[in-house]
Every structure is written in structure tokens, then in C-alpha cells.
């Protein structure tokens, strides 16, 4: 099955069907990569014949770090690797069609997303909810709210750079990149 043809915008939805569990993994992994987080194969159930009946894919930051006696005075502070993130996709095998269907889906995460480079100008998406993204620089700075409309590719940012200077800001460009838009819409290009 070609994962590119499953959902027009590539965002997982309840009810999407896959020919196999590997197709589901590739699709969800592609989505996670686009959103700048990683997933893991977390849990599976098999029937008596060894056929996988359900499987859960979770964020790599699921769970919490256990406390050890030696953690009282660590030599250096480290970024937490586990944050209790609940992002997951669960697929279930439907015997009638012998296809896997998305049965349970949580797309909200509770952590900053991965950083691709260590540059101070690297933009990260802190949170996404429907059409609203919260974007900021990796090394800190003010959070900016970017509202993005998928239908007409309209974008507005709270920094108001486009409204003031008619130049798209880096926050809007980060959202375009995250949503897979590689060409700037013509209405934002001035000649």
C-alpha cells in the first residue's frame, strides 16, 4: 500500500485502513517525522496463530524516568528523555477485511519537538492545535502564534512582520515547512 495516498494531508485519522502493520508504521512514522518527533513500536497483541491483532505506536518520550538514589545531586542537569507524552496510534485487525484500522488516536504532545540543528536561529513548534501553532527560537525568545488555513494557504503570525513589512516571518515559514508546503504561495511573493 502506498502510504502517500492514504490521507490527502498526511495527518492520521480514526478509521484509516492499512493492508499491513508495516504500512501503518511507515505512515505514522512519516507523519511523526514531518512534525519533528519520533515514535516507537510500543505494544502488540497476537492471536493463537501468531497473527498480530492490535498494535500501538507511541511517542519516543512516553513514560517517565525512574528516580534512583544516586539522582539526589547529579553532576549535570540533563534534558528529560521521558515526559509522559501520550501521543499514540493504535491499530486493530478487522477479520472481515484482514486490514488494520486506526482504532485509537492521540495527536497532542506535551514536550518540545526535536531539534534538527543546534543553531540559535532554529525555529521549533512547541504546540499545535488545529490551525494554530506556537513557534519560538530553539534557544528561547518570545513565543509566536501562527494561524494557518490549509484550504487557501493563508497564514498570519502574531509578530505581524508580514503586515508591517510585507515579508513572511520565519515563524510562518516554519509552519509552511512543517505542513509540507515547499513553495511559497504567490500572494506572499512581491515583485
Protein backbone atom coordinates (compact mmCIF):
# COMPACT_ATOMS: atom_id res chain seq x y z
CA UNK A 1 0.00 0.00 0.00
CA UNK A 2 1.31 3.46 -0.89
CA UNK A 3 1.28 5.50 2.34
CA UNK A 4 1.31 8.73 0.33
CA UNK A 5 -2.26 8.07 -0.89
CA UNK A 6 -3.83 7.27 2.48
CA UNK A 7 -4.76 10.75 3.62
CA UNK A 8 -4.59 13.81 1.43
CA UNK A 9 -2.82 15.93 4.03
CA UNK A 10 -0.88 13.03 5.63
CA UNK A 11 -2.45 13.52 9.06
CA UNK A 12 -3.62 10.33 10.80
CA UNK A 13 -7.37 9.97 11.34
CA UNK A 14 -9.58 7.40 13.02
CA UNK A 15 -10.77 4.77 10.58
CA UNK A 16 -7.86 4.86 8.10
CA UNK A 17 -7.15 1.32 6.89
CA UNK A 18 -3.81 -0.33 6.09
CA UNK A 19 -3.02 -3.59 4.29
CA UNK A 20 -0.41 -4.48 6.90
CA UNK A 21 1.02 -3.36 10.20
CA UNK A 22 4.25 -2.24 8.50
CA UNK A 23 2.21 0.10 6.26
CA UNK A 24 0.65 1.63 9.37
CA UNK A 25 4.09 2.07 10.94
CA UNK A 26 5.50 3.75 7.81
CA UNK A 27 2.53 6.12 7.59
CA UNK A 28 2.64 7.16 11.26
CA UNK A 29 6.44 7.42 11.19
CA UNK A 30 6.22 9.69 8.14
CA UNK A 31 3.71 11.91 9.97
CA UNK A 32 5.89 11.97 13.11
CA UNK A 33 8.95 12.86 11.06
CA UNK A 34 7.06 15.72 9.41
CA UNK A 35 6.03 17.00 12.86
CA UNK A 36 9.63 16.59 14.18
CA UNK A 37 9.11 13.89 16.80
CA UNK A 38 9.99 10.18 16.89
CA UNK A 39 7.83 7.13 17.52
CA UNK A 40 8.41 3.61 18.72
CA UNK A 41 6.61 0.30 18.32
CA UNK A 42 5.23 0.07 21.80
CA UNK A 43 2.90 -2.89 22.27
CA UNK A 44 1.19 -5.65 20.31
CA UNK A 45 -1.35 -8.44 20.78
CA UNK A 46 -1.27 -11.69 18.81
CA UNK A 47 -3.85 -14.42 18.46
CA UNK A 48 -3.13 -18.15 18.97
CA UNK A 49 -1.97 -18.44 15.34
CA UNK A 50 0.62 -15.70 15.81
CA UNK A 51 -1.27 -13.08 13.78
CA UNK A 52 -0.97 -9.54 15.18
CA UNK A 53 -4.48 -8.41 16.18
CA UNK A 54 -3.58 -4.96 17.55
CA UNK A 55 -0.53 -2.77 17.83
CA UNK A 56 0.31 0.53 19.50
CA UNK A 57 2.81 3.10 18.18
CA UNK A 58 3.79 5.72 20.76
CA UNK A 59 5.92 8.83 21.07
CA UNK A 60 9.53 8.05 22.00
CA UNK A 61 9.05 10.28 25.08
CA UNK A 62 6.24 8.13 26.53
CA UNK A 63 6.71 7.17 30.17
CA UNK A 64 8.66 8.81 32.97
CA UNK A 65 12.21 8.39 34.22
CA UNK A 66 12.52 6.35 37.40
CA UNK A 67 14.13 8.02 40.40
CA UNK A 68 17.28 6.38 41.73
CA UNK A 69 19.10 7.01 44.99
CA UNK A 70 22.10 8.37 43.07
CA UNK A 71 19.95 11.06 41.42
CA UNK A 72 19.96 13.30 44.51
CA UNK A 73 22.84 15.52 43.32
CA UNK A 74 23.51 14.88 39.63
CA UNK A 75 26.81 16.20 38.26
CA UNK A 76 24.99 18.00 35.46
CA UNK A 77 21.39 18.65 34.55
CA UNK A 78 20.13 16.76 31.51
CA UNK A 79 17.16 17.30 29.28
CA UNK A 80 14.47 14.77 30.22
CA UNK A 81 14.16 11.93 27.72
CA UNK A 82 10.79 10.78 29.03
CA UNK A 83 7.99 13.29 29.59
CA UNK A 84 4.91 11.10 29.88
CA UNK A 85 3.82 12.08 26.36
CA UNK A 86 0.51 10.48 25.41
CA UNK A 87 0.80 10.75 21.61
CA UNK A 88 -0.14 7.37 20.13
CA UNK A 89 -1.83 5.50 17.30
CA UNK A 90 -3.42 2.10 17.91
CA UNK A 91 -4.36 -0.17 15.01
CA UNK A 92 -6.69 -3.17 15.21
CA UNK A 93 -7.04 -6.05 12.72
CA UNK A 94 -10.54 -6.42 11.29
CA UNK A 95 -11.03 -10.08 10.39
CA UNK A 96 -13.64 -9.44 7.71
CA UNK A 97 -11.29 -7.45 5.51
CA UNK A 98 -7.99 -8.62 7.08
CA UNK A 99 -6.93 -4.98 7.17
CA UNK A 100 -5.65 -2.90 10.07
CA UNK A 101 -7.73 0.12 11.02
CA UNK A 102 -6.81 3.09 13.24
CA UNK A 103 -8.85 2.42 16.37
CA UNK A 104 -7.44 4.95 18.85
CA UNK A 105 -5.52 8.13 18.11
CA UNK A 106 -3.98 10.87 20.25
CA UNK A 107 -2.02 13.61 18.43
CA UNK A 108 -1.39 16.06 21.30
CA UNK A 109 2.13 16.01 22.73
CA UNK A 110 3.46 17.53 25.95
CA UNK A 111 7.05 18.35 25.05
CA UNK A 112 9.18 20.44 22.75
CA UNK A 113 9.80 18.80 19.44
CA UNK A 114 13.18 17.52 18.28
CA UNK A 115 15.79 19.96 17.10
CA UNK A 116 17.44 19.24 13.75
CA UNK A 117 20.37 21.64 14.19
CA UNK A 118 21.90 23.40 17.15
CA UNK A 119 21.82 26.84 15.59
CA UNK A 120 20.35 29.63 17.67
CA UNK A 121 18.07 30.62 14.77
CA UNK A 122 16.43 27.19 14.57
CA UNK A 123 12.66 27.52 14.95
CA UNK A 124 10.70 24.88 16.85
CA UNK A 125 7.00 24.23 17.13
CA UNK A 126 6.07 23.99 20.80
CA UNK A 127 2.40 23.13 20.37
CA UNK A 128 -0.11 22.61 17.60
CA UNK A 129 -3.86 22.66 17.94
CA UNK A 130 -5.96 22.50 14.79
CA UNK A 131 -4.95 25.57 12.73
CA UNK A 132 -2.89 27.27 15.46
CA UNK A 133 0.84 26.71 16.00
CA UNK A 134 3.03 28.08 18.80
CA UNK A 135 6.53 28.74 17.41
CA UNK A 136 9.72 30.03 19.04
CA UNK A 137 13.50 30.02 18.62
CA UNK A 138 15.32 26.96 19.96
CA UNK A 139 17.45 28.99 22.38
CA UNK A 140 14.47 30.92 23.72
CA UNK A 141 12.76 34.15 22.89
CA UNK A 142 9.11 35.10 22.61
CA UNK A 143 6.51 32.53 21.60
CA UNK A 144 4.63 33.45 18.42
CA UNK A 145 1.15 32.24 17.47
CA UNK A 146 0.80 31.29 13.82
CA UNK A 147 -2.69 30.66 12.42
CA UNK A 148 -2.62 28.60 9.22
CA UNK A 149 -5.52 27.82 6.85
CA UNK A 150 -4.87 24.67 4.79
CA UNK A 151 -7.59 25.44 2.25
CA UNK A 152 -6.25 28.73 0.92
CA UNK A 153 -2.70 28.56 2.44
CA UNK A 154 -3.38 31.78 4.32
CA UNK A 155 -1.01 32.37 7.24
CA UNK A 156 -0.98 35.02 10.00
CA UNK A 157 1.61 35.42 12.73
CA UNK A 158 1.43 37.36 15.99
CA UNK A 159 4.78 39.05 15.20
CA UNK A 160 2.97 40.94 12.37
CA UNK A 161 6.09 41.10 10.18
CA UNK A 162 4.08 40.48 7.00
CA UNK A 163 1.52 43.14 7.89
CA UNK A 164 4.24 45.72 8.65
CA UNK A 165 6.99 44.89 6.13
CA UNK A 166 5.25 42.60 3.60
CA UNK A 167 7.88 39.91 4.28
CA UNK A 168 6.95 36.47 5.61
CA UNK A 169 8.46 35.83 9.04
CA UNK A 170 10.47 32.75 9.99
CA UNK A 171 7.58 31.56 12.17
CA UNK A 172 5.23 31.35 9.17
CA UNK A 173 7.97 29.70 7.08
CA UNK A 174 8.46 27.06 9.80
CA UNK A 175 4.73 26.25 9.69
CA UNK A 176 4.81 26.04 5.86
CA UNK A 177 7.76 23.65 6.11
CA UNK A 178 6.08 21.55 8.82
CA UNK A 179 2.92 21.25 6.74
CA UNK A 180 4.95 20.11 3.70
CA UNK A 181 4.46 23.29 1.65
CA UNK A 182 7.73 23.74 -0.24
CA UNK A 183 6.64 26.63 -2.47
CA UNK A 184 5.65 29.99 -1.01
CA UNK A 185 2.13 30.89 -2.21
CA UNK A 186 2.22 33.64 -4.88
CA UNK A 187 0.27 36.19 -2.80
CA UNK A 188 3.26 36.33 -0.39
CA UNK A 189 5.83 36.94 -3.15
CA UNK A 190 6.32 40.62 -4.02
CA UNK A 191 7.96 41.68 -7.30
